[in-house]
Structures are given as C-alpha cells and as structure tokens.
Amino acid sequence: MTKLRLATEADIPTLVEMGVDMFAGSSFAALTYAPDKAGEFMRRGIKGAFLAVSVEGEGGAITGCIYGDVIEPWYTSDCMGIEHFLYVRPEHRGSRAALMLVRAWIRWCVSSGAKQLRPATAAKSAEADRLYRAVGFEPVGQLYVMNQKDFP
C-alpha cells in the first residue's frame, strides 16, 4: 500500500540517487547532473518548501517524490505554486503514487495561499500529460529547448 510522508534529511541520499534516473529521462539529460548540488537543493526543500515522498511496503522504501514551493513571481503580488520535480520509479508507475504526490502538493500550495499552480514537467512522456490533465491542469504553450551542440 502506498503512503506519503514529508521527506527527511535521511532520505536525501536516496533522492539524489533517484535524481540520476529522473534527470536521464528528462529534457535536461544533455546537461551534467550535479549530485552535491541536487542534495543541497533538496535540503532547502525539507527546510522551507514542500518535499514529499511516496513509500511502499514494510520498510517504507521510497518509490517516488515531489518537490514544490509557493513563490511570489516578479510580475505579480499573487502567490504561485510551482513544482520543481515529480518522479516515480519506473517499477511503480501505474500505481497511485504520482497521483497521490501531485494531490498532496496541490493541497499544500492551496493552504499556502497559491492562486495558480504550475507543474514543471520535463519528462518526455504522455504519462505526465495524462496525470496532470487527470487532476485538472490544462496545457498552455509548449516546452522548447536548444542544446549546446545545436547552438548557431
């Protein structure tokens, strides 16, 4: 049975390790993954934002994670919920983990005063599109990227 909990310092090595796979399957894969920097970013999430994990089984093995925050962008005084990342291990995709993580992030953002929510998926997957549509998000625009090898 999948359960959610807030991430702790003890989870950081596992989350950094999961980040390798998340990074490799995203539009960021052309960049260099920096485990130390990722760990520091996650520590900040534990202390002052929303970093939650899904766990499964007796030992509570981490199966997924989500990191989000509520910010006040430069162009408005309204608060916006942003998602830095959502990742579920491949062997747990199709479970309720991603849905539970996204819904927990939404609730946290709403309780933190967000007037708009913006997930930031970098996945190359129709699964992500189905997930966000299923919880009520609507697509706006497209994601573009140009890697160094393609610079003019």
N, C-alpha and C. Protein backbone atom coordinates (compact mmCIF):
# COMPACT_ATOMS: atom_id res chain seq x y z
N MET A 1 0.84 -1.19 0.00
CA MET A 1 0.00 0.00 0.00
C MET A 1 0.88 1.24 0.00
N THR A 2 0.58 2.18 -0.87
CA THR A 2 1.36 3.40 -0.99
C THR A 2 0.95 4.40 0.08
N LYS A 3 1.95 4.97 0.73
CA LYS A 3 1.72 6.03 1.71
C LYS A 3 2.61 7.21 1.37
N LEU A 4 2.22 8.38 1.85
CA LEU A 4 3.02 9.59 1.65
C LEU A 4 3.53 10.09 2.99
N ARG A 5 4.69 10.74 2.93
CA ARG A 5 5.21 11.44 4.10
C ARG A 5 6.14 12.54 3.61
N LEU A 6 6.40 13.49 4.49
CA LEU A 6 7.37 14.53 4.17
C LEU A 6 8.76 13.92 4.17
N ALA A 7 9.60 14.39 3.29
CA ALA A 7 10.98 13.90 3.21
C ALA A 7 11.77 14.37 4.42
N THR A 8 12.80 13.61 4.77
CA THR A 8 13.70 13.95 5.87
C THR A 8 15.13 13.98 5.35
N GLU A 9 16.03 14.50 6.17
CA GLU A 9 17.46 14.51 5.82
C GLU A 9 17.95 13.11 5.46
N ALA A 10 17.45 12.10 6.17
CA ALA A 10 17.89 10.73 5.93
C ALA A 10 17.51 10.24 4.53
N ASP A 11 16.52 10.87 3.90
CA ASP A 11 16.08 10.48 2.56
C ASP A 11 16.96 11.05 1.45
N ILE A 12 17.75 12.04 1.75
CA ILE A 12 18.48 12.76 0.70
C ILE A 12 19.36 11.86 -0.16
N PRO A 13 20.15 10.94 0.40
CA PRO A 13 20.95 10.07 -0.49
C PRO A 13 20.09 9.28 -1.48
N THR A 14 18.97 8.77 -1.03
CA THR A 14 18.07 8.03 -1.93
C THR A 14 17.49 8.97 -2.99
N LEU A 15 17.09 10.16 -2.59
CA LEU A 15 16.50 11.11 -3.55
C LEU A 15 17.54 11.57 -4.57
N VAL A 16 18.77 11.78 -4.14
CA VAL A 16 19.84 12.16 -5.06
C VAL A 16 20.08 11.02 -6.07
N GLU A 17 20.08 9.79 -5.57
CA GLU A 17 20.25 8.63 -6.46
C GLU A 17 19.08 8.52 -7.44
N MET A 18 17.86 8.76 -6.98
CA MET A 18 16.70 8.74 -7.87
C MET A 18 16.81 9.85 -8.90
N GLY A 19 17.42 10.96 -8.51
CA GLY A 19 17.60 12.08 -9.42
C GLY A 19 18.38 11.72 -10.66
N VAL A 20 19.31 10.77 -10.55
CA VAL A 20 20.08 10.34 -11.72
C VAL A 20 19.14 9.83 -12.81
N ASP A 21 18.22 8.95 -12.43
CA ASP A 21 17.28 8.39 -13.41
C ASP A 21 16.28 9.43 -13.89
N MET A 22 15.79 10.26 -12.95
CA MET A 22 14.84 11.31 -13.33
C MET A 22 15.49 12.23 -14.36
N PHE A 23 16.71 12.64 -14.08
CA PHE A 23 17.46 13.54 -14.95
C PHE A 23 17.66 12.92 -16.33
N ALA A 24 18.06 11.66 -16.35
CA ALA A 24 18.35 10.97 -17.61
C ALA A 24 17.12 10.86 -18.50
N GLY A 25 15.92 10.79 -17.91
CA GLY A 25 14.70 10.65 -18.69
C GLY A 25 14.00 11.96 -18.98
N SER A 26 14.70 13.07 -18.76
CA SER A 26 14.07 14.38 -18.94
C SER A 26 14.74 15.16 -20.07
N SER A 27 14.18 16.32 -20.34
CA SER A 27 14.77 17.20 -21.35
C SER A 27 16.06 17.86 -20.85
N PHE A 28 16.43 17.61 -19.60
CA PHE A 28 17.68 18.13 -19.04
C PHE A 28 18.85 17.18 -19.26
N ALA A 29 18.62 16.03 -19.86
CA ALA A 29 19.63 14.98 -19.97
C ALA A 29 20.91 15.42 -20.68
N ALA A 30 20.85 16.45 -21.50
CA ALA A 30 22.05 16.92 -22.19
C ALA A 30 22.98 17.70 -21.25
N LEU A 31 22.50 18.02 -20.06
CA LEU A 31 23.31 18.74 -19.07
C LEU A 31 23.99 17.74 -18.14
N THR A 32 24.85 18.25 -17.26
CA THR A 32 25.57 17.39 -16.32
C THR A 32 24.86 17.39 -14.98
N TYR A 33 24.47 16.22 -14.51
CA TYR A 33 23.82 16.09 -13.20
C TYR A 33 24.87 16.32 -12.12
N ALA A 34 24.53 17.15 -11.14
CA ALA A 34 25.43 17.50 -10.04
C ALA A 34 24.82 16.99 -8.73
N PRO A 35 25.20 15.79 -8.29
CA PRO A 35 24.60 15.20 -7.09
C PRO A 35 24.71 16.07 -5.84
N ASP A 36 25.86 16.70 -5.62
CA ASP A 36 26.02 17.55 -4.42
C ASP A 36 25.05 18.73 -4.46
N LYS A 37 24.94 19.34 -5.62
CA LYS A 37 24.03 20.48 -5.76
C LYS A 37 22.57 20.02 -5.60
N ALA A 38 22.25 18.86 -6.15
CA ALA A 38 20.90 18.31 -6.00
C ALA A 38 20.58 18.07 -4.54
N GLY A 39 21.52 17.50 -3.80
CA GLY A 39 21.32 17.24 -2.37
C GLY A 39 21.09 18.53 -1.59
N GLU A 40 21.84 19.55 -1.90
CA GLU A 40 21.67 20.85 -1.22
C GLU A 40 20.30 21.45 -1.53
N PHE A 41 19.88 21.34 -2.78
CA PHE A 41 18.57 21.84 -3.19
C PHE A 41 17.46 21.11 -2.41
N MET A 42 17.61 19.82 -2.26
CA MET A 42 16.62 19.03 -1.53
C MET A 42 16.61 19.39 -0.04
N ARG A 43 17.77 19.67 0.53
CA ARG A 43 17.83 20.12 1.93
C ARG A 43 17.02 21.41 2.12
N ARG A 44 17.13 22.32 1.16
CA ARG A 44 16.35 23.56 1.23
C ARG A 44 14.86 23.25 1.14
N GLY A 45 14.49 22.26 0.35
CA GLY A 45 13.09 21.87 0.22
C GLY A 45 12.54 21.32 1.52
N ILE A 46 13.34 20.55 2.23
CA ILE A 46 12.91 20.00 3.51
C ILE A 46 12.70 21.11 4.52
N LYS A 47 13.57 22.11 4.49
CA LYS A 47 13.52 23.18 5.49
C LYS A 47 12.47 24.24 5.20
N GLY A 48 12.20 24.53 3.91
CA GLY A 48 11.35 25.68 3.67
C GLY A 48 10.38 25.58 2.52
N ALA A 49 10.17 24.39 1.98
CA ALA A 49 9.24 24.24 0.87
C ALA A 49 8.46 22.94 1.08
N PHE A 50 8.11 22.26 0.00
CA PHE A 50 7.34 21.02 0.09
C PHE A 50 8.10 19.92 -0.64
N LEU A 51 8.66 19.00 0.12
CA LEU A 51 9.35 17.84 -0.44
C LEU A 51 8.75 16.61 0.23
N ALA A 52 8.00 15.85 -0.55
CA ALA A 52 7.31 14.66 -0.02
C ALA A 52 7.74 13.44 -0.80
N VAL A 53 7.61 12.28 -0.15
CA VAL A 53 7.95 11.01 -0.79
C VAL A 53 6.78 10.05 -0.67
N SER A 54 6.70 9.16 -1.64
CA SER A 54 5.78 8.03 -1.55
C SER A 54 6.61 6.83 -1.11
N VAL A 55 6.04 6.04 -0.24
CA VAL A 55 6.74 4.86 0.27
C VAL A 55 5.85 3.63 0.14
N GLU A 56 6.49 2.48 0.06
CA GLU A 56 5.77 1.22 -0.15
C GLU A 56 6.36 0.14 0.74
N GLY A 57 5.50 -0.71 1.26
CA GLY A 57 5.94 -1.90 1.96
C GLY A 57 6.34 -1.68 3.40
N GLU A 58 6.75 -2.79 4.03
CA GLU A 58 7.13 -2.81 5.44
C GLU A 58 8.24 -1.82 5.76
N GLY A 59 9.31 -1.85 4.97
CA GLY A 59 10.46 -0.98 5.24
C GLY A 59 10.26 0.44 4.79
N GLY A 60 9.17 0.71 4.13
CA GLY A 60 8.91 2.07 3.66
C GLY A 60 9.87 2.52 2.59
N ALA A 61 10.17 1.65 1.62
CA ALA A 61 11.08 2.01 0.53
C ALA A 61 10.48 3.15 -0.29
N ILE A 62 11.31 4.15 -0.59
CA ILE A 62 10.85 5.31 -1.35
C ILE A 62 10.61 4.90 -2.80
N THR A 63 9.41 5.20 -3.28
CA THR A 63 9.03 4.86 -4.64
C THR A 63 8.88 6.09 -5.53
N GLY A 64 8.73 7.27 -4.92
CA GLY A 64 8.56 8.49 -5.70
C GLY A 64 8.75 9.71 -4.82
N CYS A 65 8.81 10.87 -5.47
CA CYS A 65 8.99 12.11 -4.72
C CYS A 65 8.46 13.30 -5.53
N ILE A 66 8.14 14.36 -4.80
CA ILE A 66 7.72 15.61 -5.42
C ILE A 66 8.29 16.76 -4.61
N TYR A 67 8.74 17.78 -5.31
CA TYR A 67 9.30 18.97 -4.67
C TYR A 67 8.59 20.18 -5.28
N GLY A 68 7.96 20.97 -4.44
CA GLY A 68 7.29 22.17 -4.90
C GLY A 68 7.47 23.30 -3.92
N ASP A 69 7.08 24.47 -4.32
CA ASP A 69 7.19 25.65 -3.49
C ASP A 69 6.07 26.61 -3.86
N VAL A 70 5.86 27.60 -3.03
CA VAL A 70 4.95 28.69 -3.35
C VAL A 70 5.80 29.96 -3.37
N ILE A 71 5.73 30.65 -4.48
CA ILE A 71 6.56 31.85 -4.68
C ILE A 71 5.68 33.04 -5.05
N GLU A 72 6.24 34.22 -4.96
CA GLU A 72 5.62 35.42 -5.48
C GLU A 72 6.48 35.86 -6.66
N PRO A 73 6.01 35.59 -7.90
CA PRO A 73 6.82 35.91 -9.08
C PRO A 73 7.07 37.42 -9.21
N TRP A 74 8.01 37.76 -10.03
CA TRP A 74 8.41 39.15 -10.22
C TRP A 74 7.30 40.02 -10.82
N TYR A 75 6.31 39.43 -11.46
CA TYR A 75 5.32 40.19 -12.21
C TYR A 75 3.96 40.32 -11.52
N THR A 76 3.82 39.80 -10.29
CA THR A 76 2.55 39.89 -9.59
C THR A 76 2.77 39.79 -8.08
N SER A 77 1.81 40.27 -7.33
CA SER A 77 1.84 40.10 -5.87
C SER A 77 1.10 38.84 -5.45
N ASP A 78 0.50 38.14 -6.41
CA ASP A 78 -0.18 36.89 -6.12
C ASP A 78 0.85 35.77 -5.97
N CYS A 79 0.51 34.80 -5.14
CA CYS A 79 1.38 33.65 -4.94
C CYS A 79 1.07 32.56 -5.96
N MET A 80 2.12 31.87 -6.37
CA MET A 80 2.01 30.81 -7.37
C MET A 80 2.68 29.55 -6.83
N GLY A 81 2.01 28.43 -6.98
CA GLY A 81 2.62 27.15 -6.63
C GLY A 81 3.40 26.63 -7.81
N ILE A 82 4.66 26.28 -7.57
CA ILE A 82 5.49 25.73 -8.64
C ILE A 82 5.97 24.34 -8.22
N GLU A 83 6.11 23.50 -9.19
CA GLU A 83 6.63 22.16 -8.96
C GLU A 83 8.02 22.11 -9.57
N HIS A 84 9.00 21.81 -8.76
CA HIS A 84 10.37 21.67 -9.27
C HIS A 84 10.56 20.31 -9.93
N PHE A 85 10.05 19.26 -9.30
CA PHE A 85 10.12 17.96 -9.93
C PHE A 85 9.13 16.99 -9.29
N LEU A 86 8.75 16.03 -10.10
CA LEU A 86 7.94 14.88 -9.68
C LEU A 86 8.60 13.68 -10.33
N TYR A 87 8.84 12.63 -9.54
CA TYR A 87 9.44 11.43 -10.09
C TYR A 87 8.90 10.21 -9.36
N VAL A 88 8.54 9.20 -10.13
CA VAL A 88 8.15 7.90 -9.59
C VAL A 88 9.01 6.87 -10.29
N ARG A 89 9.60 5.99 -9.49
CA ARG A 89 10.46 4.94 -10.07
C ARG A 89 9.68 4.15 -11.11
N PRO A 90 10.33 3.76 -12.20
CA PRO A 90 9.63 3.07 -13.30
C PRO A 90 8.79 1.87 -12.85
N GLU A 91 9.30 1.08 -11.90
CA GLU A 91 8.56 -0.11 -11.48
C GLU A 91 7.31 0.22 -10.66
N HIS A 92 7.13 1.50 -10.30
CA HIS A 92 5.95 1.91 -9.54
C HIS A 92 5.02 2.82 -10.35
N ARG A 93 5.37 3.04 -11.60
CA ARG A 93 4.48 3.82 -12.45
C ARG A 93 3.25 2.99 -12.74
N GLY A 94 2.12 3.64 -12.81
CA GLY A 94 0.86 2.92 -12.95
C GLY A 94 0.21 2.69 -11.60
N SER A 95 0.98 2.90 -10.52
CA SER A 95 0.40 2.84 -9.17
C SER A 95 -0.24 4.21 -8.90
N ARG A 96 -0.72 4.40 -7.70
CA ARG A 96 -1.34 5.68 -7.35
C ARG A 96 -0.31 6.71 -6.84
N ALA A 97 0.96 6.35 -6.81
CA ALA A 97 1.99 7.20 -6.20
C ALA A 97 2.02 8.60 -6.81
N ALA A 98 2.11 8.71 -8.13
CA ALA A 98 2.21 10.03 -8.76
C ALA A 98 0.96 10.87 -8.47
N LEU A 99 -0.19 10.26 -8.59
CA LEU A 99 -1.44 10.96 -8.32
C LEU A 99 -1.49 11.45 -6.87
N MET A 100 -1.10 10.60 -5.95
CA MET A 100 -1.11 10.98 -4.53
C MET A 100 -0.12 12.11 -4.26
N LEU A 101 1.07 12.05 -4.87
CA LEU A 101 2.07 13.10 -4.67
C LEU A 101 1.59 14.43 -5.22
N VAL A 102 1.04 14.42 -6.43
CA VAL A 102 0.56 15.67 -7.04
C VAL A 102 -0.59 16.26 -6.22
N ARG A 103 -1.51 15.43 -5.80
CA ARG A 103 -2.63 15.94 -4.99
C ARG A 103 -2.15 16.52 -3.66
N ALA A 104 -1.15 15.90 -3.04
CA ALA A 104 -0.59 16.44 -1.78
C ALA A 104 0.06 17.78 -2.03
N TRP A 105 0.79 17.91 -3.13
CA TRP A 105 1.42 19.19 -3.50
C TRP A 105 0.34 20.25 -3.73
N ILE A 106 -0.72 19.90 -4.43
CA ILE A 106 -1.82 20.85 -4.69
C ILE A 106 -2.40 21.33 -3.36
N ARG A 107 -2.71 20.40 -2.45
CA ARG A 107 -3.28 20.79 -1.15
C ARG A 107 -2.33 21.72 -0.39
N TRP A 108 -1.05 21.39 -0.40
CA TRP A 108 -0.06 22.22 0.30
C TRP A 108 -0.02 23.63 -0.32
N CYS A 109 -0.02 23.72 -1.63
CA CYS A 109 0.00 25.02 -2.31
C CYS A 109 -1.24 25.84 -1.97
N VAL A 110 -2.40 25.21 -2.01
CA VAL A 110 -3.66 25.91 -1.70
C VAL A 110 -3.62 26.43 -0.26
N SER A 111 -3.17 25.58 0.66
CA SER A 111 -3.11 26.01 2.07
C SER A 111 -2.04 27.07 2.30
N SER A 112 -1.10 27.19 1.36
CA SER A 112 -0.04 28.20 1.47
C SER A 112 -0.39 29.49 0.73
N GLY A 113 -1.61 29.57 0.18
CA GLY A 113 -2.08 30.80 -0.42
C GLY A 113 -1.88 30.95 -1.91
N ALA A 114 -1.53 29.89 -2.62
CA ALA A 114 -1.31 29.98 -4.06
C ALA A 114 -2.61 30.28 -4.79
N LYS A 115 -2.53 31.16 -5.79
CA LYS A 115 -3.68 31.47 -6.64
C LYS A 115 -3.60 30.78 -8.00
N GLN A 116 -2.43 30.22 -8.28
CA GLN A 116 -2.24 29.50 -9.54
C GLN A 116 -1.18 28.42 -9.28
N LEU A 117 -1.32 27.29 -9.96
CA LEU A 117 -0.36 26.20 -9.82
C LEU A 117 0.27 25.91 -11.17
N ARG A 118 1.57 25.68 -11.15
CA ARG A 118 2.30 25.41 -12.39
C ARG A 118 3.25 24.25 -12.23
N PRO A 119 2.83 23.06 -12.65
CA PRO A 119 3.78 21.95 -12.65
C PRO A 119 4.82 22.20 -13.74
N ALA A 120 6.00 21.68 -13.53
CA ALA A 120 7.10 21.94 -14.48
C ALA A 120 7.67 20.63 -14.98
N THR A 121 6.89 19.90 -15.71
CA THR A 121 7.37 18.60 -16.19
C THR A 121 8.40 18.78 -17.29
N ALA A 122 9.47 18.02 -17.18
CA ALA A 122 10.48 17.98 -18.23
C ALA A 122 10.55 16.57 -18.81
N ALA A 123 9.58 15.76 -18.45
CA ALA A 123 9.55 14.37 -18.94
C ALA A 123 9.14 14.36 -20.40
N LYS A 124 9.64 13.39 -21.10
CA LYS A 124 9.25 13.19 -22.49
C LYS A 124 8.22 12.06 -22.49
N SER A 125 7.04 12.33 -21.94
CA SER A 125 6.11 11.23 -21.72
C SER A 125 4.66 11.66 -21.80
N ALA A 126 3.86 10.81 -22.42
CA ALA A 126 2.42 11.03 -22.44
C ALA A 126 1.82 10.75 -21.08
N GLU A 127 2.53 9.94 -20.25
CA GLU A 127 2.05 9.65 -18.90
C GLU A 127 1.90 10.93 -18.09
N ALA A 128 2.90 11.81 -18.18
CA ALA A 128 2.86 13.06 -17.43
C ALA A 128 1.68 13.91 -17.91
N ASP A 129 1.46 13.95 -19.20
CA ASP A 129 0.33 14.71 -19.75
C ASP A 129 -0.99 14.18 -19.21
N ARG A 130 -1.16 12.86 -19.21
CA ARG A 130 -2.39 12.26 -18.68
C ARG A 130 -2.57 12.54 -17.20
N LEU A 131 -1.48 12.45 -16.43
CA LEU A 131 -1.55 12.70 -15.00
C LEU A 131 -2.04 14.11 -14.71
N TYR A 132 -1.39 15.10 -15.29
CA TYR A 132 -1.77 16.49 -14.99
C TYR A 132 -3.16 16.83 -15.49
N ARG A 133 -3.53 16.31 -16.62
CA ARG A 133 -4.91 16.52 -17.11
C ARG A 133 -5.92 15.86 -16.16
N ALA A 134 -5.57 14.69 -15.63
CA ALA A 134 -6.49 13.95 -14.75
C ALA A 134 -6.78 14.71 -13.46
N VAL A 135 -5.86 15.53 -12.99
CA VAL A 135 -6.11 16.28 -11.75
C VAL A 135 -6.61 17.69 -12.04
N GLY A 136 -6.83 18.02 -13.31
CA GLY A 136 -7.47 19.29 -13.63
C GLY A 136 -6.61 20.36 -14.28
N PHE A 137 -5.34 20.07 -14.56
CA PHE A 137 -4.50 21.06 -15.22
C PHE A 137 -4.84 21.10 -16.70
N GLU A 138 -4.65 22.26 -17.30
CA GLU A 138 -4.83 22.38 -18.74
C GLU A 138 -3.51 22.82 -19.35
N PRO A 139 -3.18 22.27 -20.52
CA PRO A 139 -1.91 22.62 -21.15
C PRO A 139 -1.93 24.06 -21.66
N VAL A 140 -0.80 24.73 -21.51
CA VAL A 140 -0.62 26.07 -22.08
C VAL A 140 0.77 26.13 -22.70
N GLY A 141 0.83 26.52 -23.94
CA GLY A 141 2.12 26.64 -24.61
C GLY A 141 2.81 25.31 -24.82
N GLN A 142 4.10 25.41 -25.12
CA GLN A 142 4.93 24.24 -25.34
C GLN A 142 6.27 24.47 -24.69
N LEU A 143 7.00 23.41 -24.47
CA LEU A 143 8.34 23.49 -23.92
C LEU A 143 9.33 23.43 -25.07
N TYR A 144 10.26 24.38 -25.11
CA TYR A 144 11.29 24.40 -26.13
C TYR A 144 12.65 24.30 -25.46
N VAL A 145 13.61 23.73 -26.16
CA VAL A 145 14.96 23.64 -25.64
C VAL A 145 15.94 23.62 -26.83
N MET A 146 17.14 24.16 -26.60
CA MET A 146 18.22 24.07 -27.57
C MET A 146 19.47 23.70 -26.79
N ASN A 147 20.12 22.62 -27.18
CA ASN A 147 21.33 22.18 -26.51
C ASN A 147 22.57 22.74 -27.19
N GLN A 148 23.66 22.76 -26.46
CA GLN A 148 24.91 23.36 -26.93
C GLN A 148 25.32 22.85 -28.29
N LYS A 149 25.16 21.55 -28.53
CA LYS A 149 25.57 21.00 -29.82
C LYS A 149 24.78 21.60 -30.98
N ASP A 150 23.63 22.22 -30.68
CA ASP A 150 22.78 22.81 -31.71
C ASP A 150 22.88 24.33 -31.81
N PHE A 151 23.74 24.94 -30.97
CA PHE A 151 23.85 26.40 -30.98
C PHE A 151 24.28 26.87 -32.37
N PRO A 152 23.69 27.99 -32.82
CA PRO A 152 24.08 28.52 -34.13
C PRO A 152 25.51 29.07 -34.11
